[in-house]
Amino acid sequence: MSPSGQDPYEPDGIPPQRGLPDFEAGFAALHPDAPLPRRVAVVRILMFIGGACGIALSLLLLQGLVIPQAQMEEALAAQAQMLGEQGVQLEISVEMMRSLIIVMAAVTGVYGVLSTLLAARIRRRTLGVFWGVVLFQGAAGALLLWNLLSGALEAVVPLGFAVYMITVMFSREARAHYGLL
């Protein structure tokens, strides 16, 4: 107790109400100066991490384009021979391999750049940012689901992250933050 006899943690001598819910707590996100909700901040962090990984993977894939033609033909022939011993026939040319590398680098690079840009703008309280994140994660989730159904079982982890981020963006606190209540 302070010397005046009033508890310093009770504003204006009014004791806090215990046991009753704070009905205005759900609307605190509607204030213009409200901070970013924690769950939306987690989405932002995950999008920054995913964006950095996408850009890094794109750069790693682009390094495959500087391999000389003869060396790539030799590597493809060695792989074809190894797969031939297992009964699998591999017929892929160097040009086809280079085009596959370009497509994979473009997909991961565009994902990385868009994810980073959206993560940087997620603090802005506009409907464009909200729907941009939802649609971007929805498109990423659809692509990952297609990969999963095609047999790429490693797509289950990023698919889980995409579903989590969409779910968080539709949570009550996130919708309130973006003015969608």
N, C-alpha and C. Protein backbone atom coordinates (compact mmCIF):
# COMPACT_ATOMS: atom_id res chain seq x y z
N MET A 1 0.84 -1.18 0.00
CA MET A 1 0.00 0.00 0.00
C MET A 1 0.89 1.24 0.00
N SER A 2 0.44 2.22 -0.71
CA SER A 2 1.17 3.47 -0.73
C SER A 2 0.83 4.28 0.52
N PRO A 3 1.60 5.30 0.82
CA PRO A 3 1.36 6.08 2.05
C PRO A 3 -0.04 6.68 2.12
N SER A 4 -0.66 6.95 0.98
CA SER A 4 -1.99 7.56 1.02
C SER A 4 -3.07 6.53 1.35
N GLY A 5 -2.70 5.27 1.40
CA GLY A 5 -3.67 4.23 1.70
C GLY A 5 -4.32 3.65 0.45
N GLN A 6 -4.02 4.22 -0.70
CA GLN A 6 -4.59 3.72 -1.96
C GLN A 6 -3.60 2.79 -2.63
N ASP A 7 -4.10 1.72 -3.17
CA ASP A 7 -3.26 0.78 -3.91
C ASP A 7 -2.76 1.47 -5.17
N PRO A 8 -1.43 1.51 -5.41
CA PRO A 8 -0.92 2.23 -6.59
C PRO A 8 -1.33 1.60 -7.92
N TYR A 9 -1.78 0.37 -7.88
CA TYR A 9 -2.18 -0.30 -9.12
C TYR A 9 -3.66 -0.13 -9.43
N GLU A 10 -4.41 0.49 -8.54
CA GLU A 10 -5.82 0.74 -8.78
C GLU A 10 -5.98 2.19 -9.21
N PRO A 11 -6.36 2.42 -10.47
CA PRO A 11 -6.51 3.81 -10.92
C PRO A 11 -7.68 4.51 -10.24
N ASP A 12 -7.42 5.68 -9.74
CA ASP A 12 -8.43 6.53 -9.10
C ASP A 12 -9.18 5.83 -7.97
N GLY A 13 -8.54 4.91 -7.32
CA GLY A 13 -9.15 4.25 -6.17
C GLY A 13 -10.24 3.27 -6.51
N ILE A 14 -10.45 2.98 -7.79
CA ILE A 14 -11.49 2.03 -8.20
C ILE A 14 -10.88 0.64 -8.25
N PRO A 15 -11.37 -0.27 -7.43
CA PRO A 15 -10.79 -1.63 -7.47
C PRO A 15 -11.17 -2.32 -8.77
N PRO A 16 -10.25 -3.15 -9.30
CA PRO A 16 -10.58 -3.87 -10.54
C PRO A 16 -11.69 -4.87 -10.31
N GLN A 17 -12.51 -5.07 -11.35
CA GLN A 17 -13.59 -6.03 -11.24
C GLN A 17 -13.04 -7.41 -11.56
N ARG A 18 -13.29 -8.31 -10.64
CA ARG A 18 -12.78 -9.66 -10.83
C ARG A 18 -13.95 -10.58 -11.19
N GLY A 19 -13.68 -11.51 -12.10
CA GLY A 19 -14.68 -12.50 -12.46
C GLY A 19 -15.61 -12.08 -13.59
N LEU A 20 -15.66 -10.80 -13.90
CA LEU A 20 -16.52 -10.35 -14.99
C LEU A 20 -15.69 -10.18 -16.25
N PRO A 21 -16.21 -10.58 -17.38
CA PRO A 21 -15.44 -10.42 -18.62
C PRO A 21 -15.37 -8.95 -19.02
N ASP A 22 -14.30 -8.62 -19.70
CA ASP A 22 -14.13 -7.27 -20.22
C ASP A 22 -14.74 -7.24 -21.62
N PHE A 23 -15.93 -6.67 -21.71
CA PHE A 23 -16.65 -6.70 -22.98
C PHE A 23 -16.00 -5.82 -24.04
N GLU A 24 -15.24 -4.83 -23.65
CA GLU A 24 -14.61 -3.95 -24.62
C GLU A 24 -13.27 -4.48 -25.11
N ALA A 25 -12.77 -5.57 -24.53
CA ALA A 25 -11.47 -6.10 -24.94
C ALA A 25 -11.50 -6.59 -26.38
N GLY A 26 -12.61 -7.14 -26.83
CA GLY A 26 -12.70 -7.61 -28.20
C GLY A 26 -12.71 -6.49 -29.22
N PHE A 27 -13.08 -5.30 -28.79
CA PHE A 27 -13.14 -4.16 -29.69
C PHE A 27 -11.90 -3.29 -29.62
N ALA A 28 -10.94 -3.68 -28.79
CA ALA A 28 -9.71 -2.90 -28.67
C ALA A 28 -8.95 -2.87 -29.99
N ALA A 29 -9.10 -3.90 -30.80
CA ALA A 29 -8.40 -3.96 -32.09
C ALA A 29 -8.97 -2.97 -33.10
N LEU A 30 -10.16 -2.43 -32.82
CA LEU A 30 -10.76 -1.48 -33.74
C LEU A 30 -10.18 -0.08 -33.61
N HIS A 31 -9.49 0.20 -32.52
CA HIS A 31 -8.91 1.53 -32.34
C HIS A 31 -7.85 1.76 -33.41
N PRO A 32 -7.76 2.97 -33.93
CA PRO A 32 -6.80 3.24 -35.01
C PRO A 32 -5.34 3.03 -34.62
N ASP A 33 -5.03 3.19 -33.34
CA ASP A 33 -3.64 3.03 -32.91
C ASP A 33 -3.39 1.67 -32.25
N ALA A 34 -4.28 0.71 -32.48
CA ALA A 34 -4.11 -0.62 -31.88
C ALA A 34 -2.90 -1.33 -32.48
N PRO A 35 -2.15 -2.02 -31.65
CA PRO A 35 -0.99 -2.76 -32.19
C PRO A 35 -1.45 -3.98 -32.99
N LEU A 36 -0.52 -4.50 -33.75
CA LEU A 36 -0.79 -5.70 -34.54
C LEU A 36 -1.06 -6.86 -33.58
N PRO A 37 -2.18 -7.58 -33.77
CA PRO A 37 -2.44 -8.73 -32.90
C PRO A 37 -1.31 -9.75 -32.98
N ARG A 38 -1.08 -10.44 -31.88
CA ARG A 38 0.06 -11.38 -31.81
C ARG A 38 -0.02 -12.47 -32.86
N ARG A 39 -1.20 -13.00 -33.08
CA ARG A 39 -1.32 -14.08 -34.06
C ARG A 39 -1.04 -13.57 -35.47
N VAL A 40 -1.42 -12.34 -35.77
CA VAL A 40 -1.12 -11.76 -37.07
C VAL A 40 0.38 -11.47 -37.17
N ALA A 41 1.00 -11.11 -36.05
CA ALA A 41 2.45 -10.91 -36.03
C ALA A 41 3.18 -12.22 -36.32
N VAL A 42 2.63 -13.34 -35.85
CA VAL A 42 3.21 -14.65 -36.14
C VAL A 42 3.10 -14.94 -37.64
N VAL A 43 1.96 -14.60 -38.25
CA VAL A 43 1.79 -14.77 -39.69
C VAL A 43 2.84 -13.93 -40.41
N ARG A 44 3.05 -12.71 -39.95
CA ARG A 44 4.05 -11.83 -40.57
C ARG A 44 5.44 -12.46 -40.51
N ILE A 45 5.80 -12.99 -39.36
CA ILE A 45 7.13 -13.61 -39.20
C ILE A 45 7.25 -14.83 -40.12
N LEU A 46 6.21 -15.66 -40.16
CA LEU A 46 6.25 -16.84 -41.02
C LEU A 46 6.35 -16.46 -42.49
N MET A 47 5.70 -15.36 -42.87
CA MET A 47 5.78 -14.93 -44.27
C MET A 47 7.17 -14.38 -44.59
N PHE A 48 7.79 -13.69 -43.64
CA PHE A 48 9.17 -13.24 -43.86
C PHE A 48 10.11 -14.43 -44.01
N ILE A 49 9.95 -15.44 -43.16
CA ILE A 49 10.80 -16.63 -43.23
C ILE A 49 10.57 -17.36 -44.56
N GLY A 50 9.30 -17.55 -44.94
CA GLY A 50 8.99 -18.21 -46.21
C GLY A 50 9.50 -17.43 -47.40
N GLY A 51 9.40 -16.11 -47.33
CA GLY A 51 9.90 -15.28 -48.41
C GLY A 51 11.41 -15.37 -48.56
N ALA A 52 12.12 -15.34 -47.45
CA ALA A 52 13.57 -15.46 -47.50
C ALA A 52 13.99 -16.82 -48.04
N CYS A 53 13.28 -17.86 -47.62
CA CYS A 53 13.59 -19.21 -48.13
C CYS A 53 13.30 -19.31 -49.62
N GLY A 54 12.21 -18.72 -50.08
CA GLY A 54 11.87 -18.75 -51.50
C GLY A 54 12.91 -18.03 -52.35
N ILE A 55 13.35 -16.86 -51.89
CA ILE A 55 14.37 -16.12 -52.63
C ILE A 55 15.69 -16.88 -52.64
N ALA A 56 16.07 -17.44 -51.50
CA ALA A 56 17.33 -18.19 -51.42
C ALA A 56 17.29 -19.43 -52.32
N LEU A 57 16.17 -20.15 -52.30
CA LEU A 57 16.05 -21.34 -53.15
C LEU A 57 16.09 -20.96 -54.63
N SER A 58 15.47 -19.84 -54.97
CA SER A 58 15.51 -19.38 -56.36
C SER A 58 16.95 -19.08 -56.79
N LEU A 59 17.70 -18.43 -55.93
CA LEU A 59 19.09 -18.12 -56.26
C LEU A 59 19.93 -19.40 -56.37
N LEU A 60 19.66 -20.38 -55.51
CA LEU A 60 20.38 -21.65 -55.59
C LEU A 60 20.06 -22.38 -56.89
N LEU A 61 18.79 -22.34 -57.30
CA LEU A 61 18.42 -22.99 -58.55
C LEU A 61 19.06 -22.31 -59.75
N LEU A 62 19.13 -20.99 -59.71
CA LEU A 62 19.73 -20.26 -60.82
C LEU A 62 21.22 -20.55 -60.98
N GLN A 63 21.86 -21.00 -59.91
CA GLN A 63 23.27 -21.38 -60.01
C GLN A 63 23.44 -22.59 -60.93
N GLY A 64 22.41 -23.40 -61.06
CA GLY A 64 22.48 -24.56 -61.94
C GLY A 64 22.55 -24.20 -63.41
N LEU A 65 22.21 -22.97 -63.74
CA LEU A 65 22.25 -22.55 -65.14
C LEU A 65 23.66 -22.22 -65.62
N VAL A 66 24.60 -22.05 -64.71
CA VAL A 66 25.96 -21.69 -65.12
C VAL A 66 26.82 -22.93 -65.35
N ILE A 67 26.26 -24.10 -65.13
CA ILE A 67 27.00 -25.34 -65.38
C ILE A 67 27.21 -25.48 -66.88
N PRO A 68 28.44 -25.78 -67.32
CA PRO A 68 28.70 -25.92 -68.76
C PRO A 68 27.89 -27.08 -69.36
N GLN A 69 27.61 -26.95 -70.65
CA GLN A 69 26.80 -27.92 -71.38
C GLN A 69 27.37 -29.34 -71.26
N ALA A 70 28.66 -29.50 -71.46
CA ALA A 70 29.29 -30.83 -71.44
C ALA A 70 29.18 -31.47 -70.06
N GLN A 71 29.38 -30.66 -69.03
CA GLN A 71 29.31 -31.20 -67.67
C GLN A 71 27.88 -31.61 -67.32
N MET A 72 26.89 -30.85 -67.76
CA MET A 72 25.50 -31.22 -67.49
C MET A 72 25.11 -32.47 -68.27
N GLU A 73 25.59 -32.61 -69.52
CA GLU A 73 25.31 -33.82 -70.30
C GLU A 73 25.91 -35.04 -69.62
N GLU A 74 27.11 -34.89 -69.08
CA GLU A 74 27.77 -35.99 -68.37
C GLU A 74 26.98 -36.38 -67.11
N ALA A 75 26.51 -35.39 -66.36
CA ALA A 75 25.74 -35.68 -65.14
C ALA A 75 24.41 -36.35 -65.48
N LEU A 76 23.74 -35.88 -66.53
CA LEU A 76 22.48 -36.50 -66.93
C LEU A 76 22.69 -37.92 -67.44
N ALA A 77 23.78 -38.17 -68.15
CA ALA A 77 24.08 -39.52 -68.62
C ALA A 77 24.35 -40.46 -67.45
N ALA A 78 25.06 -39.96 -66.44
CA ALA A 78 25.34 -40.79 -65.25
C ALA A 78 24.05 -41.12 -64.52
N GLN A 79 23.14 -40.15 -64.40
CA GLN A 79 21.86 -40.41 -63.75
C GLN A 79 21.01 -41.38 -64.57
N ALA A 80 21.02 -41.23 -65.90
CA ALA A 80 20.25 -42.13 -66.76
C ALA A 80 20.76 -43.56 -66.64
N GLN A 81 22.10 -43.71 -66.54
CA GLN A 81 22.67 -45.04 -66.39
C GLN A 81 22.29 -45.65 -65.05
N MET A 82 22.36 -44.86 -64.00
CA MET A 82 22.03 -45.35 -62.66
C MET A 82 20.55 -45.74 -62.58
N LEU A 83 19.68 -44.93 -63.17
CA LEU A 83 18.26 -45.26 -63.16
C LEU A 83 17.96 -46.43 -64.09
N GLY A 84 18.74 -46.57 -65.17
CA GLY A 84 18.56 -47.69 -66.09
C GLY A 84 18.83 -49.02 -65.41
N GLU A 85 19.76 -49.05 -64.46
CA GLU A 85 20.04 -50.27 -63.70
C GLU A 85 18.85 -50.68 -62.84
N GLN A 86 18.01 -49.70 -62.50
CA GLN A 86 16.84 -49.99 -61.67
C GLN A 86 15.58 -50.17 -62.52
N GLY A 87 15.75 -50.14 -63.83
CA GLY A 87 14.61 -50.38 -64.72
C GLY A 87 13.83 -49.12 -65.08
N VAL A 88 14.37 -47.94 -64.79
CA VAL A 88 13.70 -46.68 -65.11
C VAL A 88 14.44 -46.03 -66.27
N GLN A 89 13.69 -45.63 -67.26
CA GLN A 89 14.32 -45.01 -68.42
C GLN A 89 14.19 -43.49 -68.30
N LEU A 90 15.31 -42.79 -68.35
CA LEU A 90 15.35 -41.33 -68.24
C LEU A 90 15.80 -40.74 -69.56
N GLU A 91 14.93 -39.98 -70.17
CA GLU A 91 15.26 -39.31 -71.41
C GLU A 91 14.99 -37.83 -71.23
N ILE A 92 16.01 -37.11 -70.84
CA ILE A 92 15.89 -35.67 -70.63
C ILE A 92 17.12 -35.01 -71.22
N SER A 93 16.88 -33.95 -71.96
CA SER A 93 17.99 -33.24 -72.59
C SER A 93 18.46 -32.11 -71.69
N VAL A 94 19.60 -31.55 -72.03
CA VAL A 94 20.14 -30.44 -71.26
C VAL A 94 19.23 -29.23 -71.37
N GLU A 95 18.67 -29.00 -72.55
CA GLU A 95 17.77 -27.86 -72.73
C GLU A 95 16.52 -28.00 -71.87
N MET A 96 15.99 -29.23 -71.80
CA MET A 96 14.82 -29.47 -70.97
C MET A 96 15.15 -29.27 -69.50
N MET A 97 16.32 -29.72 -69.08
CA MET A 97 16.73 -29.54 -67.69
C MET A 97 16.88 -28.06 -67.36
N ARG A 98 17.48 -27.30 -68.26
CA ARG A 98 17.64 -25.86 -68.04
C ARG A 98 16.28 -25.17 -67.96
N SER A 99 15.33 -25.57 -68.80
CA SER A 99 14.00 -24.94 -68.75
C SER A 99 13.28 -25.30 -67.45
N LEU A 100 13.46 -26.52 -66.97
CA LEU A 100 12.87 -26.90 -65.68
C LEU A 100 13.47 -26.08 -64.55
N ILE A 101 14.78 -25.85 -64.60
CA ILE A 101 15.44 -25.04 -63.58
C ILE A 101 14.89 -23.62 -63.61
N ILE A 102 14.71 -23.07 -64.80
CA ILE A 102 14.19 -21.70 -64.92
C ILE A 102 12.77 -21.60 -64.35
N VAL A 103 11.93 -22.58 -64.66
CA VAL A 103 10.54 -22.56 -64.15
C VAL A 103 10.53 -22.68 -62.63
N MET A 104 11.30 -23.61 -62.08
CA MET A 104 11.33 -23.77 -60.63
C MET A 104 11.89 -22.53 -59.94
N ALA A 105 12.92 -21.92 -60.52
CA ALA A 105 13.49 -20.70 -59.95
C ALA A 105 12.49 -19.56 -60.02
N ALA A 106 11.73 -19.48 -61.10
CA ALA A 106 10.73 -18.41 -61.23
C ALA A 106 9.61 -18.57 -60.20
N VAL A 107 9.13 -19.80 -60.02
CA VAL A 107 8.04 -20.04 -59.07
C VAL A 107 8.50 -19.72 -57.65
N THR A 108 9.65 -20.23 -57.25
CA THR A 108 10.11 -19.97 -55.88
C THR A 108 10.52 -18.52 -55.70
N GLY A 109 11.05 -17.88 -56.72
CA GLY A 109 11.43 -16.48 -56.62
C GLY A 109 10.22 -15.56 -56.50
N VAL A 110 9.20 -15.81 -57.32
CA VAL A 110 7.98 -14.99 -57.23
C VAL A 110 7.31 -15.20 -55.87
N TYR A 111 7.27 -16.44 -55.40
CA TYR A 111 6.72 -16.70 -54.06
C TYR A 111 7.49 -15.92 -53.01
N GLY A 112 8.81 -15.97 -53.07
CA GLY A 112 9.63 -15.30 -52.07
C GLY A 112 9.45 -13.80 -52.07
N VAL A 113 9.43 -13.20 -53.25
CA VAL A 113 9.27 -11.74 -53.34
C VAL A 113 7.88 -11.32 -52.88
N LEU A 114 6.83 -12.00 -53.34
CA LEU A 114 5.47 -11.64 -52.92
C LEU A 114 5.26 -11.84 -51.43
N SER A 115 5.78 -12.92 -50.89
CA SER A 115 5.64 -13.18 -49.47
C SER A 115 6.35 -12.10 -48.65
N THR A 116 7.53 -11.71 -49.08
CA THR A 116 8.27 -10.67 -48.36
C THR A 116 7.55 -9.32 -48.46
N LEU A 117 7.04 -8.98 -49.64
CA LEU A 117 6.33 -7.71 -49.80
C LEU A 117 5.05 -7.66 -48.96
N LEU A 118 4.30 -8.75 -48.97
CA LEU A 118 3.07 -8.79 -48.16
C LEU A 118 3.39 -8.74 -46.67
N ALA A 119 4.44 -9.43 -46.25
CA ALA A 119 4.82 -9.41 -44.84
C ALA A 119 5.24 -8.01 -44.41
N ALA A 120 5.89 -7.29 -45.30
CA ALA A 120 6.31 -5.92 -44.97
C ALA A 120 5.11 -4.99 -44.87
N ARG A 121 4.04 -5.28 -45.59
CA ARG A 121 2.86 -4.41 -45.60
C ARG A 121 1.76 -4.87 -44.66
N ILE A 122 1.93 -5.97 -43.95
CA ILE A 122 0.84 -6.55 -43.17
C ILE A 122 0.42 -5.65 -41.99
N ARG A 123 1.29 -4.74 -41.59
CA ARG A 123 0.93 -3.82 -40.50
C ARG A 123 -0.07 -2.77 -40.94
N ARG A 124 -0.15 -2.53 -42.23
CA ARG A 124 -1.12 -1.55 -42.73
C ARG A 124 -2.51 -2.15 -42.62
N ARG A 125 -3.42 -1.38 -42.15
CA ARG A 125 -4.75 -1.89 -41.85
C ARG A 125 -5.70 -1.65 -43.02
N THR A 126 -5.37 -2.21 -44.16
CA THR A 126 -6.23 -2.04 -45.33
C THR A 126 -6.81 -3.39 -45.73
N LEU A 127 -7.94 -3.33 -46.40
CA LEU A 127 -8.56 -4.56 -46.88
C LEU A 127 -7.71 -5.23 -47.95
N GLY A 128 -6.97 -4.43 -48.71
CA GLY A 128 -6.10 -4.99 -49.73
C GLY A 128 -5.02 -5.88 -49.14
N VAL A 129 -4.44 -5.46 -48.03
CA VAL A 129 -3.42 -6.27 -47.36
C VAL A 129 -4.04 -7.55 -46.82
N PHE A 130 -5.19 -7.40 -46.15
CA PHE A 130 -5.87 -8.58 -45.58
C PHE A 130 -6.17 -9.61 -46.67
N TRP A 131 -6.86 -9.17 -47.73
CA TRP A 131 -7.23 -10.11 -48.79
C TRP A 131 -6.02 -10.55 -49.60
N GLY A 132 -5.01 -9.71 -49.69
CA GLY A 132 -3.77 -10.11 -50.37
C GLY A 132 -3.11 -11.28 -49.67
N VAL A 133 -3.04 -11.21 -48.34
CA VAL A 133 -2.44 -12.31 -47.57
C VAL A 133 -3.29 -13.57 -47.70
N VAL A 134 -4.61 -13.42 -47.57
CA VAL A 134 -5.49 -14.58 -47.64
C VAL A 134 -5.42 -15.25 -49.02
N LEU A 135 -5.51 -14.45 -50.07
CA LEU A 135 -5.47 -15.02 -51.43
C LEU A 135 -4.10 -15.59 -51.77
N PHE A 136 -3.04 -14.92 -51.32
CA PHE A 136 -1.69 -15.43 -51.58
C PHE A 136 -1.48 -16.77 -50.89
N GLN A 137 -1.87 -16.85 -49.62
CA GLN A 137 -1.71 -18.12 -48.90
C GLN A 137 -2.65 -19.19 -49.45
N GLY A 138 -3.82 -18.78 -49.93
CA GLY A 138 -4.73 -19.73 -50.56
C GLY A 138 -4.15 -20.31 -51.84
N ALA A 139 -3.54 -19.45 -52.66
CA ALA A 139 -2.90 -19.93 -53.90
C ALA A 139 -1.71 -20.82 -53.59
N ALA A 140 -0.91 -20.43 -52.60
CA ALA A 140 0.23 -21.26 -52.19
C ALA A 140 -0.26 -22.60 -51.65
N GLY A 141 -1.33 -22.57 -50.86
CA GLY A 141 -1.90 -23.80 -50.32
C GLY A 141 -2.45 -24.71 -51.41
N ALA A 142 -3.08 -24.12 -52.43
CA ALA A 142 -3.61 -24.93 -53.54
C ALA A 142 -2.48 -25.59 -54.31
N LEU A 143 -1.40 -24.86 -54.56
CA LEU A 143 -0.25 -25.44 -55.25
C LEU A 143 0.39 -26.55 -54.41
N LEU A 144 0.48 -26.32 -53.11
CA LEU A 144 1.06 -27.34 -52.22
C LEU A 144 0.15 -28.57 -52.13
N LEU A 145 -1.16 -28.36 -52.12
CA LEU A 145 -2.09 -29.49 -52.09
C LEU A 145 -1.96 -30.31 -53.37
N TRP A 146 -1.82 -29.63 -54.51
CA TRP A 146 -1.62 -30.32 -55.78
C TRP A 146 -0.33 -31.14 -55.74
N ASN A 147 0.73 -30.57 -55.20
CA ASN A 147 1.99 -31.31 -55.05
C ASN A 147 1.81 -32.51 -54.13
N LEU A 148 1.09 -32.32 -53.03
CA LEU A 148 0.87 -33.41 -52.09
C LEU A 148 0.08 -34.55 -52.74
N LEU A 149 -0.95 -34.19 -53.50
CA LEU A 149 -1.74 -35.22 -54.18
C LEU A 149 -0.98 -35.88 -55.32
N SER A 150 0.06 -35.20 -55.82
CA SER A 150 0.89 -35.78 -56.88
C SER A 150 1.97 -36.69 -56.32
N GLY A 151 2.05 -36.78 -55.02
CA GLY A 151 3.00 -37.71 -54.40
C GLY A 151 4.15 -37.07 -53.66
N ALA A 152 4.22 -35.76 -53.64
CA ALA A 152 5.30 -35.07 -52.92
C ALA A 152 4.88 -34.90 -51.46
N LEU A 153 5.19 -35.90 -50.65
CA LEU A 153 4.74 -35.90 -49.26
C LEU A 153 5.38 -34.80 -48.42
N GLU A 154 6.52 -34.27 -48.89
CA GLU A 154 7.18 -33.21 -48.12
C GLU A 154 6.39 -31.90 -48.18
N ALA A 155 5.37 -31.81 -49.01
CA ALA A 155 4.55 -30.60 -49.11
C ALA A 155 3.57 -30.48 -47.95
N VAL A 156 3.48 -31.48 -47.10
CA VAL A 156 2.50 -31.44 -46.02
C VAL A 156 2.86 -30.38 -44.98
N VAL A 157 4.13 -30.15 -44.72
CA VAL A 157 4.53 -29.16 -43.71
C VAL A 157 4.22 -27.74 -44.18
N PRO A 158 4.68 -27.31 -45.36
CA PRO A 158 4.31 -25.95 -45.77
C PRO A 158 2.81 -25.78 -46.00
N LEU A 159 2.12 -26.86 -46.38
CA LEU A 159 0.66 -26.79 -46.52
C LEU A 159 0.03 -26.51 -45.16
N GLY A 160 0.53 -27.14 -44.12
CA GLY A 160 0.04 -26.87 -42.77
C GLY A 160 0.24 -25.42 -42.37
N PHE A 161 1.40 -24.85 -42.71
CA PHE A 161 1.66 -23.44 -42.42
C PHE A 161 0.69 -22.53 -43.19
N ALA A 162 0.44 -22.84 -44.45
CA ALA A 162 -0.48 -22.03 -45.25
C ALA A 162 -1.89 -22.06 -44.67
N VAL A 163 -2.34 -23.25 -44.28
CA VAL A 163 -3.68 -23.38 -43.68
C VAL A 163 -3.73 -22.61 -42.36
N TYR A 164 -2.67 -22.71 -41.55
CA TYR A 164 -2.62 -21.98 -40.28
C TYR A 164 -2.71 -20.47 -40.51
N MET A 165 -1.98 -19.96 -41.50
CA MET A 165 -1.98 -18.52 -41.75
C MET A 165 -3.34 -18.04 -42.24
N ILE A 166 -4.01 -18.83 -43.07
CA ILE A 166 -5.36 -18.46 -43.52
C ILE A 166 -6.32 -18.46 -42.34
N THR A 167 -6.20 -19.47 -41.48
CA THR A 167 -7.07 -19.56 -40.31
C THR A 167 -6.86 -18.37 -39.39
N VAL A 168 -5.62 -17.98 -39.17
CA VAL A 168 -5.33 -16.83 -38.30
C VAL A 168 -5.91 -15.55 -38.90
N MET A 169 -5.79 -15.39 -40.20
CA MET A 169 -6.30 -14.16 -40.82
C MET A 169 -7.82 -14.06 -40.72
N PHE A 170 -8.51 -15.19 -40.62
CA PHE A 170 -9.96 -15.16 -40.45
C PHE A 170 -10.39 -15.20 -38.99
N SER A 171 -9.44 -15.16 -38.06
CA SER A 171 -9.79 -15.13 -36.65
C SER A 171 -10.45 -13.79 -36.31
N ARG A 172 -11.15 -13.75 -35.21
CA ARG A 172 -11.90 -12.55 -34.83
C ARG A 172 -10.98 -11.35 -34.62
N GLU A 173 -9.86 -11.56 -33.94
CA GLU A 173 -8.96 -10.45 -33.66
C GLU A 173 -8.32 -9.90 -34.93
N ALA A 174 -8.00 -10.76 -35.90
CA ALA A 174 -7.42 -10.29 -37.15
C ALA A 174 -8.45 -9.53 -37.97
N ARG A 175 -9.67 -10.08 -38.04
CA ARG A 175 -10.73 -9.38 -38.78
C ARG A 175 -11.03 -8.03 -38.14
N ALA A 176 -11.02 -7.97 -36.81
CA ALA A 176 -11.26 -6.70 -36.12
C ALA A 176 -10.14 -5.71 -36.42
N HIS A 177 -8.92 -6.19 -36.45
CA HIS A 177 -7.78 -5.32 -36.73
C HIS A 177 -7.89 -4.68 -38.11
N TYR A 178 -8.39 -5.42 -39.06
CA TYR A 178 -8.53 -4.90 -40.43
C TYR A 178 -9.92 -4.31 -40.69
N GLY A 179 -10.73 -4.19 -39.64
CA GLY A 179 -12.05 -3.54 -39.76
C GLY A 179 -13.10 -4.38 -40.44
N LEU A 180 -13.04 -5.69 -40.29
CA LEU A 180 -13.99 -6.59 -40.94
C LEU A 180 -14.99 -7.21 -39.98
N LEU A 181 -15.19 -6.64 -38.82
CA LEU A 181 -16.16 -7.22 -37.88
C LEU A 181 -17.56 -6.83 -38.22
